[in-house]
Amino acid sequence: MSPSILLSLVIATCYGCGVHAVLGRRLWQWPVFWLSAIAGFFFGYVLGVATGLELGRIGSVPLVASTLGAAALLTLAWYFTSVGD
């Protein structure tokens, strides 16, 4: 596995677990937050590379664009999993 993919998975896992630790209320929300963070991080990665918005690079990972992608999908995941609480 390439180091950039491994780094991306580690950072996205930290984002998903962190959001669940702060905003999660049920155990079933954890995999939803985790998968949302991973999908959003990689979506932001692809969008950042495609548009040239590669601010805050760590190796070949555009951290700002990837973080914004993860934040967007984590916000959606939080909204849809907290409806009715």
N, C-alpha and C. Protein backbone atom coordinates (compact mmCIF):
# COMPACT_ATOMS: atom_id res chain seq x y z
N MET A 1 0.86 -1.17 0.00
CA MET A 1 0.00 0.00 0.00
C MET A 1 0.90 1.23 0.00
N SER A 2 0.53 2.20 -0.81
CA SER A 2 1.38 3.38 -0.91
C SER A 2 1.27 4.24 0.36
N PRO A 3 2.32 4.95 0.70
CA PRO A 3 2.31 5.77 1.91
C PRO A 3 1.25 6.87 1.90
N SER A 4 0.94 7.43 0.75
CA SER A 4 -0.07 8.49 0.71
C SER A 4 -1.47 7.94 0.99
N ILE A 5 -1.75 6.74 0.52
CA ILE A 5 -3.05 6.12 0.81
C ILE A 5 -3.14 5.77 2.29
N LEU A 6 -2.07 5.24 2.84
CA LEU A 6 -2.06 4.90 4.26
C LEU A 6 -2.21 6.15 5.13
N LEU A 7 -1.51 7.22 4.78
CA LEU A 7 -1.64 8.48 5.52
C LEU A 7 -3.05 9.02 5.42
N SER A 8 -3.64 8.95 4.24
CA SER A 8 -5.01 9.42 4.05
C SER A 8 -6.00 8.62 4.89
N LEU A 9 -5.82 7.30 4.94
CA LEU A 9 -6.70 6.47 5.75
C LEU A 9 -6.56 6.78 7.23
N VAL A 10 -5.34 7.02 7.68
CA VAL A 10 -5.12 7.34 9.10
C VAL A 10 -5.75 8.67 9.46
N ILE A 11 -5.55 9.69 8.63
CA ILE A 11 -6.12 11.01 8.91
C ILE A 11 -7.64 10.95 8.87
N ALA A 12 -8.21 10.28 7.85
CA ALA A 12 -9.66 10.19 7.74
C ALA A 12 -10.25 9.40 8.91
N THR A 13 -9.57 8.36 9.37
CA THR A 13 -10.02 7.61 10.53
C THR A 13 -10.03 8.49 11.77
N CYS A 14 -9.01 9.31 11.92
CA CYS A 14 -8.97 10.25 13.06
C CYS A 14 -10.14 11.23 13.00
N TYR A 15 -10.44 11.72 11.81
CA TYR A 15 -11.58 12.64 11.67
C TYR A 15 -12.90 11.95 12.03
N GLY A 16 -13.12 10.76 11.51
CA GLY A 16 -14.37 10.04 11.78
C GLY A 16 -14.52 9.68 13.24
N CYS A 17 -13.45 9.20 13.86
CA CYS A 17 -13.53 8.85 15.28
C CYS A 17 -13.67 10.08 16.15
N GLY A 18 -13.02 11.16 15.76
CA GLY A 18 -13.14 12.41 16.52
C GLY A 18 -14.54 12.97 16.49
N VAL A 19 -15.16 12.95 15.32
CA VAL A 19 -16.53 13.45 15.21
C VAL A 19 -17.47 12.56 16.01
N HIS A 20 -17.25 11.26 15.97
CA HIS A 20 -18.12 10.38 16.76
C HIS A 20 -17.91 10.61 18.25
N ALA A 21 -16.68 10.86 18.67
CA ALA A 21 -16.43 11.11 20.08
C ALA A 21 -17.11 12.38 20.57
N VAL A 22 -17.20 13.38 19.70
CA VAL A 22 -17.79 14.65 20.10
C VAL A 22 -19.30 14.68 19.88
N LEU A 23 -19.76 14.18 18.74
CA LEU A 23 -21.18 14.32 18.37
C LEU A 23 -21.97 13.03 18.36
N GLY A 24 -21.31 11.89 18.41
CA GLY A 24 -22.01 10.62 18.31
C GLY A 24 -22.78 10.29 19.58
N ARG A 25 -23.96 9.72 19.40
CA ARG A 25 -24.79 9.34 20.53
C ARG A 25 -25.01 7.84 20.60
N ARG A 26 -24.91 7.17 19.48
CA ARG A 26 -25.16 5.74 19.41
C ARG A 26 -23.96 5.03 18.78
N LEU A 27 -23.78 3.77 19.12
CA LEU A 27 -22.65 3.01 18.60
C LEU A 27 -22.77 2.78 17.09
N TRP A 28 -23.98 2.64 16.57
CA TRP A 28 -24.16 2.38 15.15
C TRP A 28 -23.75 3.58 14.31
N GLN A 29 -23.60 4.76 14.91
CA GLN A 29 -23.19 5.94 14.15
C GLN A 29 -21.70 5.91 13.82
N TRP A 30 -20.91 5.18 14.62
CA TRP A 30 -19.48 5.19 14.40
C TRP A 30 -19.07 4.72 13.00
N PRO A 31 -19.55 3.58 12.50
CA PRO A 31 -19.14 3.21 11.13
C PRO A 31 -19.65 4.18 10.07
N VAL A 32 -20.79 4.82 10.33
CA VAL A 32 -21.30 5.81 9.37
C VAL A 32 -20.35 7.00 9.32
N PHE A 33 -19.93 7.49 10.47
CA PHE A 33 -18.98 8.61 10.50
C PHE A 33 -17.64 8.21 9.91
N TRP A 34 -17.19 7.01 10.21
CA TRP A 34 -15.90 6.56 9.71
C TRP A 34 -15.89 6.45 8.19
N LEU A 35 -16.91 5.81 7.64
CA LEU A 35 -16.98 5.68 6.18
C LEU A 35 -17.21 7.01 5.50
N SER A 36 -17.98 7.89 6.12
CA SER A 36 -18.19 9.22 5.56
C SER A 36 -16.89 10.01 5.54
N ALA A 37 -16.10 9.90 6.59
CA ALA A 37 -14.82 10.60 6.63
C ALA A 37 -13.87 10.08 5.56
N ILE A 38 -13.83 8.77 5.38
CA ILE A 38 -12.95 8.20 4.36
C ILE A 38 -13.41 8.60 2.96
N ALA A 39 -14.70 8.48 2.69
CA ALA A 39 -15.21 8.84 1.36
C ALA A 39 -15.02 10.33 1.10
N GLY A 40 -15.32 11.17 2.07
CA GLY A 40 -15.14 12.61 1.90
C GLY A 40 -13.69 13.01 1.74
N PHE A 41 -12.80 12.35 2.48
CA PHE A 41 -11.38 12.66 2.38
C PHE A 41 -10.86 12.35 0.99
N PHE A 42 -11.23 11.19 0.47
CA PHE A 42 -10.75 10.83 -0.86
C PHE A 42 -11.44 11.64 -1.96
N PHE A 43 -12.71 12.02 -1.75
CA PHE A 43 -13.40 12.91 -2.70
C PHE A 43 -12.70 14.27 -2.72
N GLY A 44 -12.37 14.80 -1.55
CA GLY A 44 -11.66 16.06 -1.48
C GLY A 44 -10.27 15.96 -2.08
N TYR A 45 -9.63 14.82 -1.91
CA TYR A 45 -8.31 14.57 -2.49
C TYR A 45 -8.39 14.66 -4.02
N VAL A 46 -9.34 13.95 -4.58
CA VAL A 46 -9.49 13.94 -6.04
C VAL A 46 -9.86 15.33 -6.55
N LEU A 47 -10.77 16.00 -5.86
CA LEU A 47 -11.18 17.34 -6.27
C LEU A 47 -10.03 18.33 -6.15
N GLY A 48 -9.25 18.21 -5.09
CA GLY A 48 -8.10 19.10 -4.91
C GLY A 48 -7.05 18.92 -5.99
N VAL A 49 -6.77 17.68 -6.35
CA VAL A 49 -5.78 17.43 -7.40
C VAL A 49 -6.32 17.87 -8.75
N ALA A 50 -7.61 17.61 -9.01
CA ALA A 50 -8.19 17.96 -10.30
C ALA A 50 -8.27 19.47 -10.52
N THR A 51 -8.55 20.22 -9.46
CA THR A 51 -8.69 21.68 -9.59
C THR A 51 -7.40 22.43 -9.33
N GLY A 52 -6.39 21.74 -8.83
CA GLY A 52 -5.13 22.40 -8.53
C GLY A 52 -5.10 23.06 -7.17
N LEU A 53 -6.14 22.87 -6.36
CA LEU A 53 -6.19 23.43 -5.00
C LEU A 53 -5.47 22.46 -4.06
N GLU A 54 -4.17 22.56 -4.04
CA GLU A 54 -3.37 21.62 -3.27
C GLU A 54 -2.65 22.34 -2.13
N LEU A 55 -3.39 23.03 -1.30
CA LEU A 55 -2.80 23.75 -0.18
C LEU A 55 -2.50 22.79 0.97
N GLY A 56 -1.45 23.07 1.69
CA GLY A 56 -1.12 22.28 2.87
C GLY A 56 -0.79 20.84 2.55
N ARG A 57 0.05 20.64 1.57
CA ARG A 57 0.38 19.27 1.17
C ARG A 57 1.25 18.58 2.20
N ILE A 58 0.92 17.34 2.48
CA ILE A 58 1.78 16.45 3.25
C ILE A 58 2.12 15.31 2.30
N GLY A 59 3.33 15.33 1.79
CA GLY A 59 3.69 14.37 0.75
C GLY A 59 2.89 14.69 -0.50
N SER A 60 2.09 13.77 -0.95
CA SER A 60 1.25 14.02 -2.11
C SER A 60 -0.23 14.21 -1.74
N VAL A 61 -0.51 14.37 -0.45
CA VAL A 61 -1.89 14.52 0.02
C VAL A 61 -2.21 16.00 0.21
N PRO A 62 -3.15 16.55 -0.57
CA PRO A 62 -3.57 17.94 -0.35
C PRO A 62 -4.48 18.01 0.88
N LEU A 63 -3.93 18.43 1.99
CA LEU A 63 -4.62 18.32 3.27
C LEU A 63 -5.84 19.22 3.37
N VAL A 64 -5.78 20.45 2.86
CA VAL A 64 -6.90 21.38 3.00
C VAL A 64 -8.12 20.89 2.21
N ALA A 65 -7.92 20.54 0.96
CA ALA A 65 -9.04 20.07 0.13
C ALA A 65 -9.61 18.77 0.67
N SER A 66 -8.74 17.87 1.10
CA SER A 66 -9.21 16.60 1.64
C SER A 66 -9.97 16.78 2.94
N THR A 67 -9.50 17.68 3.79
CA THR A 67 -10.20 17.95 5.04
C THR A 67 -11.56 18.58 4.79
N LEU A 68 -11.64 19.49 3.82
CA LEU A 68 -12.94 20.09 3.49
C LEU A 68 -13.92 19.06 2.95
N GLY A 69 -13.42 18.12 2.15
CA GLY A 69 -14.29 17.04 1.66
C GLY A 69 -14.79 16.15 2.78
N ALA A 70 -13.90 15.82 3.71
CA ALA A 70 -14.29 15.00 4.86
C ALA A 70 -15.28 15.75 5.74
N ALA A 71 -15.05 17.04 5.94
CA ALA A 71 -15.95 17.85 6.77
C ALA A 71 -17.34 17.93 6.15
N ALA A 72 -17.40 18.04 4.83
CA ALA A 72 -18.69 18.12 4.15
C ALA A 72 -19.49 16.83 4.33
N LEU A 73 -18.86 15.70 4.09
CA LEU A 73 -19.60 14.45 4.23
C LEU A 73 -19.87 14.10 5.69
N LEU A 74 -19.00 14.47 6.60
CA LEU A 74 -19.26 14.24 8.02
C LEU A 74 -20.42 15.10 8.50
N THR A 75 -20.54 16.30 7.98
CA THR A 75 -21.69 17.16 8.33
C THR A 75 -22.99 16.52 7.86
N LEU A 76 -22.98 16.01 6.63
CA LEU A 76 -24.18 15.32 6.13
C LEU A 76 -24.49 14.07 6.94
N ALA A 77 -23.47 13.31 7.28
CA ALA A 77 -23.69 12.10 8.07
C ALA A 77 -24.24 12.44 9.44
N TRP A 78 -23.71 13.49 10.07
CA TRP A 78 -24.21 13.90 11.38
C TRP A 78 -25.67 14.35 11.27
N TYR A 79 -25.98 15.11 10.24
CA TYR A 79 -27.35 15.59 10.08
C TYR A 79 -28.33 14.45 9.90
N PHE A 80 -28.02 13.51 9.04
CA PHE A 80 -28.95 12.42 8.77
C PHE A 80 -29.00 11.37 9.86
N THR A 81 -27.97 11.25 10.68
CA THR A 81 -28.03 10.27 11.77
C THR A 81 -28.57 10.87 13.06
N SER A 82 -28.67 12.19 13.13
CA SER A 82 -29.18 12.80 14.37
C SER A 82 -30.62 13.27 14.25
N VAL A 83 -31.24 13.07 13.09
CA VAL A 83 -32.65 13.46 12.91
C VAL A 83 -33.51 12.58 13.82
N GLY A 84 -34.32 13.21 14.61
CA GLY A 84 -35.21 12.49 15.51
C GLY A 84 -34.70 12.34 16.91
N ASP A 85 -33.47 12.81 17.18
CA ASP A 85 -32.94 12.72 18.56
C ASP A 85 -33.44 13.87 19.40
